[in-house]
Amino acid sequence: MVVSQHLSADGPLFSDPTLYRSLVGALQYLTITRPDIAHAVNSVSQFLHSPTDNHFLAVKRILRYVKGTLHFGLTFHPSVAPAALVAYSDADWAGCPDTRRSTSGYSIYLGDNLVSWSAKKQPTVSRSSCESEYRALALTAAELLWLTHLLRDLKVSQNQRPLLLCDNKSAIFLSSNPVSHKRAKHVELDYHFLRELVLAGKLRTQYVTSHLQVADIFTKSVSRPLFDFFRSKLHVRSNPTLSLRGGVEDHD
């Protein structure tokens, strides 16, 4: 997708909405192993009811990208030492031009391997970037908590508390400091949920600079160099033996 492009509901309706829904449905299935297209697919998925010509152009752009990266896939590597959970959380404040709702995104790693990710529009409008980032933190914390319980059931030892990284210092401060402010009351449930996890020692929050914020790729369109950098951090890499057509190709 074009850098800084935000799709809106305005524009002439696409002539074949059934084709649009079919293509987007196939792309949604592909995101299971291609997190690098999660944000773009999430964007075009919001207009299934009445797609426009611009939306279809965005779908074709995604398809062209997929065609050019057929041999890319999510890679996993064995870990020698006990792997810790590390999560990146981000939000694109008021990014939707139609509703001004924000988009939450996260990527969660077990050691060096990406095990969970999400790109999702928030259900309510946030009145500040801190609020939208905090809602994203709470969403990521819930996923971290679930993964912690899953690993425990699978008898996978965790020697370190899960680490939650965010590029908004105000949201991080709010997660570990008892504050009472009228501007914080509308995020009260998320505030108490996340803060209790931090105070109970079930996870840690830490600041990460924006240029290392991997979750940016799930919340907004970024420049090509930054996209390539984040894609490599997701461990979506080229492998000549892979094929989206099914199976593993034989090059002997």
Protein backbone atom coordinates (compact mmCIF):
# COMPACT_ATOMS: atom_id res chain seq x y z
CA MET A 1 0.00 0.00 0.00
CA VAL A 2 1.08 3.56 -0.63
CA VAL A 3 2.91 5.23 2.25
CA SER A 4 0.56 7.34 4.42
CA GLN A 5 -2.50 6.04 2.54
CA HIS A 6 -5.64 5.68 4.65
CA LEU A 7 -8.58 4.07 2.87
CA SER A 8 -11.99 5.67 3.32
CA ALA A 9 -15.56 4.74 2.41
CA ASP A 10 -15.79 7.57 -0.15
CA GLY A 11 -15.57 6.91 -3.87
CA PRO A 12 -17.40 5.09 -6.69
CA LEU A 13 -18.53 1.58 -5.77
CA PHE A 14 -16.63 -1.34 -7.28
CA SER A 15 -18.62 -3.16 -9.96
CA ASP A 16 -18.00 -6.71 -8.66
CA PRO A 17 -18.20 -6.82 -4.84
CA THR A 18 -18.34 -10.64 -4.88
CA LEU A 19 -14.91 -10.79 -6.52
CA TYR A 20 -13.61 -8.28 -3.99
CA ARG A 21 -14.84 -10.36 -1.05
CA SER A 22 -13.39 -13.54 -2.54
CA LEU A 23 -9.94 -12.01 -3.01
CA VAL A 24 -9.88 -10.43 0.44
CA GLY A 25 -10.99 -13.73 2.00
CA ALA A 26 -8.07 -15.50 0.32
CA LEU A 27 -5.68 -12.81 1.55
CA GLN A 28 -7.01 -13.16 5.10
CA TYR A 29 -6.15 -16.86 4.95
CA LEU A 30 -2.66 -16.01 3.72
CA THR A 31 -1.95 -13.78 6.73
CA ILE A 32 -1.71 -16.96 8.83
CA THR A 33 1.85 -17.34 7.57
CA ARG A 34 2.48 -13.87 6.14
CA PRO A 35 2.29 -11.31 8.95
CA ASP A 36 3.93 -8.73 6.67
CA ILE A 37 0.60 -8.19 4.87
CA ALA A 38 -1.57 -8.19 8.01
CA HIS A 39 -2.03 -4.40 8.15
CA ALA A 40 -2.85 -4.04 4.47
CA VAL A 41 -5.32 -6.93 4.54
CA ASN A 42 -6.91 -5.59 7.72
CA SER A 43 -7.44 -2.25 5.96
CA VAL A 44 -9.18 -3.68 2.88
CA SER A 45 -11.21 -6.10 5.05
CA GLN A 46 -13.09 -3.19 6.59
CA PHE A 47 -14.95 -2.47 3.35
CA LEU A 48 -16.38 -5.87 2.44
CA HIS A 49 -19.95 -4.56 2.59
CA SER A 50 -19.47 -1.80 -0.02
CA PRO A 51 -16.03 -1.81 -1.67
CA THR A 52 -15.02 1.06 -3.94
CA ASP A 53 -12.66 1.23 -6.90
CA ASN A 54 -9.91 2.55 -4.62
CA HIS A 55 -10.33 -0.43 -2.33
CA PHE A 56 -9.96 -2.82 -5.26
CA LEU A 57 -6.82 -1.00 -6.38
CA ALA A 58 -5.41 -1.55 -2.89
CA VAL A 59 -6.25 -5.27 -3.14
CA LYS A 60 -4.47 -5.49 -6.50
CA ARG A 61 -1.44 -3.80 -4.96
CA ILE A 62 -1.35 -6.45 -2.22
CA LEU A 63 -1.68 -9.21 -4.82
CA ARG A 64 1.21 -7.78 -6.84
CA TYR A 65 3.34 -7.73 -3.70
CA VAL A 66 2.41 -11.33 -2.90
CA LYS A 67 3.21 -12.42 -6.46
CA GLY A 68 6.65 -10.84 -6.16
CA THR A 69 7.33 -12.57 -2.83
CA LEU A 70 5.97 -16.07 -3.48
CA HIS A 71 9.01 -17.66 -1.87
CA PHE A 72 8.79 -15.61 1.33
CA GLY A 73 7.51 -17.24 4.47
CA LEU A 74 7.57 -17.17 8.26
CA THR A 75 10.67 -18.93 9.55
CA PHE A 76 11.31 -20.57 12.92
CA HIS A 77 14.58 -21.50 14.59
CA PRO A 78 15.24 -23.82 17.56
CA SER A 79 16.29 -22.19 20.80
CA VAL A 80 19.07 -23.62 22.96
CA ALA A 81 18.29 -21.71 26.16
CA PRO A 82 14.79 -21.29 27.68
CA ALA A 83 13.07 -18.68 25.53
CA ALA A 84 11.36 -15.62 27.01
CA LEU A 85 8.22 -13.89 25.76
CA VAL A 86 8.84 -10.43 24.31
CA ALA A 87 6.05 -8.29 22.83
CA TYR A 88 5.95 -5.07 20.81
CA SER A 89 2.78 -3.00 21.11
CA ASP A 90 1.77 0.01 19.01
CA ALA A 91 -1.23 2.09 17.98
CA ASP A 92 -2.02 4.42 15.09
CA TRP A 93 -4.01 7.16 16.82
CA ALA A 94 -7.20 8.26 15.02
CA GLY A 95 -5.93 6.72 11.79
CA CYS A 96 -9.34 5.87 10.30
CA PRO A 97 -10.57 8.88 8.25
CA ASP A 98 -14.21 7.76 8.53
CA THR A 99 -14.53 7.01 12.26
CA ARG A 100 -11.26 8.40 13.71
CA ARG A 101 -10.80 5.16 15.58
CA SER A 102 -7.25 3.96 16.19
CA THR A 103 -5.59 0.75 15.08
CA SER A 104 -3.86 -1.55 17.57
CA GLY A 105 -1.02 -3.81 16.56
CA TYR A 106 1.32 -6.18 18.31
CA SER A 107 3.95 -8.81 17.63
CA ILE A 108 4.94 -11.37 20.25
CA TYR A 109 8.10 -13.45 20.19
CA LEU A 110 9.08 -16.59 22.02
CA GLY A 111 12.82 -16.20 21.95
CA ASP A 112 13.64 -15.19 18.38
CA ASN A 113 10.49 -16.71 16.89
CA LEU A 114 7.32 -14.78 16.12
CA VAL A 115 4.39 -16.69 17.65
CA SER A 116 1.51 -14.20 17.70
CA TRP A 117 0.57 -10.95 15.95
CA SER A 118 -2.45 -8.75 15.37
CA ALA A 119 -3.65 -5.72 13.42
CA LYS A 120 -7.06 -4.61 14.64
CA LYS A 121 -9.13 -1.43 14.75
CA GLN A 122 -10.01 -0.34 18.28
CA PRO A 123 -13.74 -0.51 19.17
CA THR A 124 -13.93 3.06 20.51
CA VAL A 125 -12.50 6.48 19.69
CA SER A 126 -9.47 7.50 21.76
CA ARG A 127 -9.10 11.14 22.79
CA SER A 128 -5.31 11.06 22.95
CA SER A 129 -2.38 9.10 21.61
CA CYS A 130 -1.63 7.95 25.15
CA GLU A 131 -5.11 6.46 25.44
CA SER A 132 -4.87 4.61 22.13
CA GLU A 133 -1.41 3.30 23.02
CA TYR A 134 -2.63 2.20 26.43
CA ARG A 135 -5.55 0.30 24.93
CA ALA A 136 -3.08 -1.43 22.61
CA LEU A 137 -0.89 -2.29 25.62
CA ALA A 138 -3.85 -3.84 27.44
CA LEU A 139 -4.76 -5.90 24.36
CA THR A 140 -1.18 -7.13 24.04
CA ALA A 141 -0.97 -7.88 27.77
CA ALA A 142 -4.07 -10.08 27.52
CA GLU A 143 -2.46 -12.08 24.71
CA LEU A 144 0.79 -12.36 26.69
CA LEU A 145 -1.13 -13.66 29.69
CA TRP A 146 -2.86 -16.29 27.55
CA LEU A 147 0.44 -17.40 26.00
CA THR A 148 2.00 -17.64 29.47
CA HIS A 149 -0.77 -19.97 30.59
CA LEU A 150 -0.47 -21.99 27.38
CA LEU A 151 3.28 -22.45 27.83
CA ARG A 152 2.72 -23.49 31.43
CA ASP A 153 0.21 -26.14 30.31
CA LEU A 154 2.75 -27.37 27.75
CA LYS A 155 5.42 -27.61 30.47
CA VAL A 156 7.58 -24.96 28.80
CA SER A 157 9.62 -23.22 31.50
CA GLN A 158 9.70 -19.43 31.67
CA ASN A 159 12.59 -18.09 33.73
CA GLN A 160 11.82 -14.44 32.96
CA ARG A 161 8.72 -12.31 33.16
CA PRO A 162 7.23 -11.42 29.76
CA LEU A 163 8.53 -8.08 28.45
CA LEU A 164 6.11 -5.61 26.84
CA LEU A 165 7.72 -2.88 24.68
CA CYS A 166 6.02 0.38 23.69
CA ASP A 167 7.20 3.64 22.10
CA ASN A 168 4.88 5.88 24.16
CA LYS A 169 6.45 6.94 27.47
CA SER A 170 3.18 8.29 28.88
CA ALA A 171 1.44 4.94 28.41
CA ILE A 172 4.34 3.11 30.05
CA PHE A 173 4.30 5.53 33.00
CA LEU A 174 0.55 5.02 33.39
CA SER A 175 1.03 1.23 33.49
CA SER A 176 3.23 1.27 36.58
CA ASN A 177 2.27 4.40 38.52
CA PRO A 178 -0.91 5.02 40.52
CA VAL A 179 -2.48 8.14 39.06
CA SER A 180 -5.97 9.57 39.31
CA HIS A 181 -6.92 12.04 36.64
CA LYS A 182 -10.21 12.84 34.97
CA ARG A 183 -8.61 12.27 31.55
CA ALA A 184 -7.64 8.72 32.58
CA LYS A 185 -11.06 7.60 33.81
CA HIS A 186 -12.35 6.62 30.37
CA VAL A 187 -9.62 3.97 30.13
CA GLU A 188 -10.25 2.74 33.66
CA LEU A 189 -10.79 -0.96 32.87
CA ASP A 190 -7.70 -1.24 30.66
CA TYR A 191 -5.77 0.82 33.22
CA HIS A 192 -6.57 -1.49 36.14
CA PHE A 193 -6.07 -4.69 34.12
CA LEU A 194 -2.61 -3.77 32.86
CA ARG A 195 -1.43 -2.08 36.04
CA GLU A 196 -2.39 -5.08 38.19
CA LEU A 197 -0.36 -7.37 35.92
CA VAL A 198 2.66 -5.06 36.23
CA LEU A 199 2.37 -4.64 40.01
CA ALA A 200 1.89 -8.39 40.47
CA GLY A 201 5.15 -8.98 38.63
CA LYS A 202 3.48 -10.95 35.84
CA LEU A 203 5.00 -8.77 33.12
CA ARG A 204 7.37 -5.85 32.58
CA THR A 205 6.85 -2.74 30.46
CA GLN A 206 9.72 -0.95 28.78
CA TYR A 207 10.25 1.89 26.30
CA VAL A 208 11.49 1.18 22.78
CA THR A 209 12.44 3.83 20.23
CA SER A 210 10.10 4.31 17.28
CA HIS A 211 12.61 3.17 14.65
CA LEU A 212 12.85 -0.19 16.44
CA GLN A 213 9.10 -0.50 17.06
CA VAL A 214 8.38 -3.65 15.06
CA ALA A 215 4.63 -3.39 15.68
CA ASP A 216 4.53 -0.29 13.45
CA ILE A 217 4.15 -2.63 10.48
CA PHE A 218 0.76 -3.73 11.89
CA THR A 219 -0.71 -0.26 12.46
CA LYS A 220 0.29 1.97 9.56
CA SER A 221 1.84 2.14 6.11
CA VAL A 222 5.59 2.72 6.31
CA SER A 223 8.34 3.55 3.83
CA ARG A 224 9.83 0.71 1.76
CA PRO A 225 13.20 0.62 3.61
CA LEU A 226 11.42 0.55 6.97
CA PHE A 227 8.97 -2.08 5.72
CA ASP A 228 11.83 -4.32 4.59
CA PHE A 229 13.56 -3.85 7.96
CA PHE A 230 10.44 -4.71 9.97
CA ARG A 231 9.68 -7.67 7.69
CA SER A 232 13.11 -9.12 8.44
CA LYS A 233 12.46 -8.62 12.16
CA LEU A 234 9.26 -10.65 11.77
CA HIS A 235 11.45 -13.41 10.28
CA VAL A 236 9.48 -13.37 7.04
CA ARG A 237 12.29 -14.25 4.69
CA SER A 238 12.98 -15.57 1.23
CA ASN A 239 13.46 -19.31 0.87
CA PRO A 240 13.78 -20.69 -2.69
CA THR A 241 12.40 -24.07 -1.59
CA LEU A 242 9.07 -22.56 -0.47
CA SER A 243 6.04 -22.13 -2.70
CA LEU A 244 2.59 -20.67 -2.03
CA ARG A 245 1.27 -23.16 -4.56
CA GLY A 246 1.66 -25.89 -1.95
CA GLY A 247 4.40 -28.19 -0.79
CA VAL A 248 8.14 -27.78 -1.10
CA GLU A 249 9.66 -27.41 -4.51
CA ASP A 250 12.39 -29.83 -5.60
CA HIS A 251 15.34 -28.01 -7.16
CA ASP A 252 17.53 -31.10 -7.65
